[in-house]
Amino acid sequence: MHVKAKKIAFGGMLLALTIIFMMLGSIIETGTLFLLAAASFFVGIIWREFGAGSGVAFWGAGVLLGLFIAPNKFYVITYAVMGLYILIVEIVWLKLGRMSDRINRKALFWIVKYVVFNLIFLPAVLLFQEVLFVREISGWMSVIVIAAGQVFLFLYDRAYEYFQGVLWNKMRGRFLN
């Protein structure tokens, strides 16, 4: 009983931080993407610590609570997409772990990451330009935005791997023991 209560309290604390980061994104405009990325990293923590069901539930709770509380709903949508990306990447990682050693899993993992990202990113950039950029952008500007998105994915994904592999591994004993 004590262990389950501790897990629920930890999840609640991370959910509160998720909402705080979404709200701070509206206040600290220059750090919005950083704060939303950090909030989405919590989805991965819950997934890895408590399982797939808890990760999906945490992500859903973050989105719903954000829609009720966060002042900027666009930031909630951004968090939802970033968290969804992390959920999909975690699922792919599990599936690839069960595959044959003859396949280059690392290369396949990066290919799948870029495919998943672009299935989300490209329609957003091409179909919702007026929402994202206030007006329709030119063809060359679209190419620049798409290229910048690819760089952003690489940086975001490397930051997530560093956070999970280094920072969270150092901190987890303080929170979950």
Protein backbone atom coordinates (compact mmCIF):
# COMPACT_ATOMS: atom_id res chain seq x y z
CA MET A 1 0.00 0.00 0.00
CA HIS A 2 2.78 2.41 0.91
CA VAL A 3 4.60 1.86 -2.40
CA LYS A 4 1.47 2.52 -4.47
CA ALA A 5 0.74 5.74 -2.54
CA LYS A 6 4.32 6.87 -3.14
CA LYS A 7 3.97 6.25 -6.88
CA ILE A 8 0.69 8.16 -7.02
CA ALA A 9 2.21 11.07 -5.08
CA PHE A 10 5.23 11.12 -7.39
CA GLY A 11 2.97 11.08 -10.46
CA GLY A 12 0.90 13.92 -9.01
CA MET A 13 4.02 15.94 -8.35
CA LEU A 14 5.22 15.48 -11.95
CA LEU A 15 1.75 16.34 -13.25
CA ALA A 16 1.79 19.56 -11.22
CA LEU A 17 5.23 20.39 -12.63
CA THR A 18 3.92 19.68 -16.13
CA ILE A 19 1.13 22.23 -15.69
CA ILE A 20 3.49 24.75 -14.08
CA PHE A 21 5.86 24.42 -17.06
CA MET A 22 2.97 24.94 -19.48
CA MET A 23 1.90 28.06 -17.60
CA LEU A 24 5.47 29.36 -17.34
CA GLY A 25 5.72 29.05 -21.11
CA SER A 26 3.17 31.86 -21.33
CA ILE A 27 5.18 34.02 -18.93
CA ILE A 28 8.72 33.30 -20.12
CA GLU A 29 8.19 33.54 -23.87
CA THR A 30 11.85 32.96 -24.75
CA GLY A 31 11.87 29.62 -22.92
CA THR A 32 8.54 28.26 -24.12
CA LEU A 33 9.87 25.37 -26.21
CA PHE A 34 12.38 24.43 -23.51
CA LEU A 35 9.68 24.37 -20.82
CA LEU A 36 7.24 22.38 -22.97
CA ALA A 37 9.98 19.91 -23.88
CA ALA A 38 10.86 19.49 -20.21
CA ALA A 39 7.18 18.93 -19.38
CA SER A 40 6.94 16.26 -22.07
CA PHE A 41 10.01 14.49 -20.65
CA PHE A 42 7.91 13.70 -17.57
CA VAL A 43 5.74 11.47 -19.76
CA GLY A 44 8.81 9.36 -20.44
CA ILE A 45 9.71 9.18 -16.75
CA ILE A 46 6.26 7.89 -15.83
CA TRP A 47 6.33 5.43 -18.76
CA ARG A 48 9.69 3.98 -17.78
CA GLU A 49 9.07 3.91 -14.04
CA PHE A 50 5.46 2.70 -13.90
CA GLY A 51 4.65 1.20 -17.29
CA ALA A 52 2.84 1.96 -20.52
CA GLY A 53 -0.64 2.39 -19.03
CA SER A 54 0.58 4.88 -16.47
CA GLY A 55 2.52 6.78 -19.12
CA VAL A 56 -0.51 7.12 -21.40
CA ALA A 57 -2.74 8.07 -18.45
CA PHE A 58 -0.23 10.68 -17.30
CA TRP A 59 -0.01 12.16 -20.79
CA GLY A 60 -3.82 12.29 -21.08
CA ALA A 61 -4.14 13.86 -17.64
CA GLY A 62 -1.54 16.48 -18.57
CA VAL A 63 -3.41 17.38 -21.73
CA LEU A 64 -6.83 17.55 -20.05
CA LEU A 65 -5.60 19.48 -17.04
CA GLY A 66 -3.66 21.83 -19.31
CA LEU A 67 -6.80 22.55 -21.35
CA PHE A 68 -8.59 23.55 -18.14
CA ILE A 69 -5.80 25.49 -16.46
CA ALA A 70 -3.15 26.73 -18.91
CA PRO A 71 -3.86 30.17 -20.36
CA ASN A 72 -2.41 29.43 -23.81
CA LYS A 73 -4.12 26.40 -25.38
CA PHE A 74 -1.62 26.35 -28.24
CA TYR A 75 1.06 25.41 -25.69
CA VAL A 76 -1.11 22.57 -24.46
CA ILE A 77 -1.38 21.28 -28.02
CA THR A 78 2.41 21.57 -28.40
CA TYR A 79 2.90 19.64 -25.14
CA ALA A 80 0.40 17.03 -26.34
CA VAL A 81 2.29 16.49 -29.59
CA MET A 82 5.68 16.34 -27.85
CA GLY A 83 4.32 13.88 -25.28
CA LEU A 84 2.71 11.79 -28.00
CA TYR A 85 6.05 11.64 -29.80
CA ILE A 86 7.70 10.35 -26.60
CA LEU A 87 4.98 7.73 -26.11
CA ILE A 88 5.40 6.48 -29.68
CA VAL A 89 9.21 6.42 -29.37
CA GLU A 90 8.96 4.40 -26.15
CA ILE A 91 6.62 1.91 -27.84
CA VAL A 92 8.97 1.60 -30.83
CA TRP A 93 11.93 1.07 -28.47
CA LEU A 94 10.11 -1.84 -26.81
CA LYS A 95 9.18 -3.38 -30.16
CA LEU A 96 12.71 -3.05 -31.54
CA GLY A 97 14.12 -4.71 -28.42
CA ARG A 98 12.25 -7.87 -29.39
CA MET A 99 13.56 -7.93 -32.97
CA SER A 100 16.39 -10.03 -34.36
CA ASP A 101 19.99 -8.96 -33.81
CA ARG A 102 20.58 -9.16 -37.54
CA ILE A 103 18.74 -5.87 -38.03
CA ASN A 104 20.56 -2.62 -37.28
CA ARG A 105 18.15 -1.52 -34.54
CA LYS A 106 19.81 1.82 -33.90
CA ALA A 107 19.49 2.93 -37.54
CA LEU A 108 15.95 1.61 -37.76
CA PHE A 109 15.08 3.42 -34.52
CA TRP A 110 16.27 6.77 -35.93
CA ILE A 111 14.41 6.17 -39.19
CA VAL A 112 11.19 5.44 -37.30
CA LYS A 113 11.71 8.54 -35.13
CA TYR A 114 12.02 10.78 -38.18
CA VAL A 115 9.03 9.14 -39.89
CA VAL A 116 6.85 9.58 -36.79
CA PHE A 117 7.99 13.17 -36.31
CA ASN A 118 7.36 14.08 -39.94
CA LEU A 119 3.93 12.44 -39.94
CA ILE A 120 3.04 14.91 -37.20
CA PHE A 121 5.15 17.90 -38.24
CA LEU A 122 4.71 18.13 -42.01
CA PRO A 123 0.89 18.28 -42.04
CA ALA A 124 1.01 20.91 -39.28
CA VAL A 125 3.44 23.10 -41.23
CA LEU A 126 1.79 22.64 -44.61
CA LEU A 127 -1.89 22.71 -43.62
CA PHE A 128 -1.99 25.07 -40.64
CA GLN A 129 0.37 27.84 -41.70
CA GLU A 130 -1.98 30.64 -40.75
CA VAL A 131 -2.30 29.27 -37.22
CA LEU A 132 1.42 28.65 -36.76
CA PHE A 133 2.81 31.72 -38.55
CA VAL A 134 -0.11 34.21 -38.49
CA ARG A 135 -0.13 34.20 -42.30
CA GLU A 136 0.69 31.85 -45.15
CA ILE A 137 4.41 31.53 -45.78
CA SER A 138 6.29 31.20 -49.08
CA GLY A 139 7.61 27.95 -50.50
CA TRP A 140 11.22 28.68 -49.57
CA MET A 141 10.24 29.64 -46.06
CA SER A 142 8.32 26.36 -45.76
CA VAL A 143 11.48 24.49 -46.76
CA ILE A 144 13.49 26.40 -44.14
CA VAL A 145 10.88 25.69 -41.45
CA ILE A 146 10.81 21.98 -42.36
CA ALA A 147 14.62 21.79 -42.28
CA ALA A 148 14.68 23.60 -38.93
CA GLY A 149 12.12 21.10 -37.64
CA GLN A 150 14.46 18.23 -38.52
CA VAL A 151 17.27 19.90 -36.58
CA PHE A 152 14.88 20.56 -33.69
CA LEU A 153 13.88 16.88 -33.63
CA PHE A 154 17.53 15.82 -33.43
CA LEU A 155 18.22 18.25 -30.55
CA TYR A 156 14.97 17.38 -28.75
CA ASP A 157 15.59 13.66 -29.04
CA ARG A 158 19.21 13.93 -27.89
CA ALA A 159 18.11 16.06 -24.94
CA TYR A 160 15.48 13.45 -24.02
CA GLU A 161 18.02 10.63 -24.21
CA TYR A 162 20.46 12.61 -22.06
CA PHE A 163 17.74 13.48 -19.57
CA GLN A 164 16.61 9.86 -19.23
CA GLY A 165 20.05 8.26 -19.38
CA VAL A 166 22.06 10.64 -17.24
CA LEU A 167 20.03 13.17 -15.26
CA TRP A 168 17.07 10.99 -14.31
CA ASN A 169 19.31 8.05 -13.41
CA LYS A 170 21.17 10.32 -10.96
CA MET A 171 17.97 11.77 -9.45
CA ARG A 172 15.63 8.77 -9.37
CA GLY A 173 16.97 7.37 -6.10
CA ARG A 174 16.09 10.59 -4.30
CA PHE A 175 12.47 10.48 -5.44
CA LEU A 176 11.51 6.83 -5.68
CA ASN A 177 13.29 5.15 -2.73
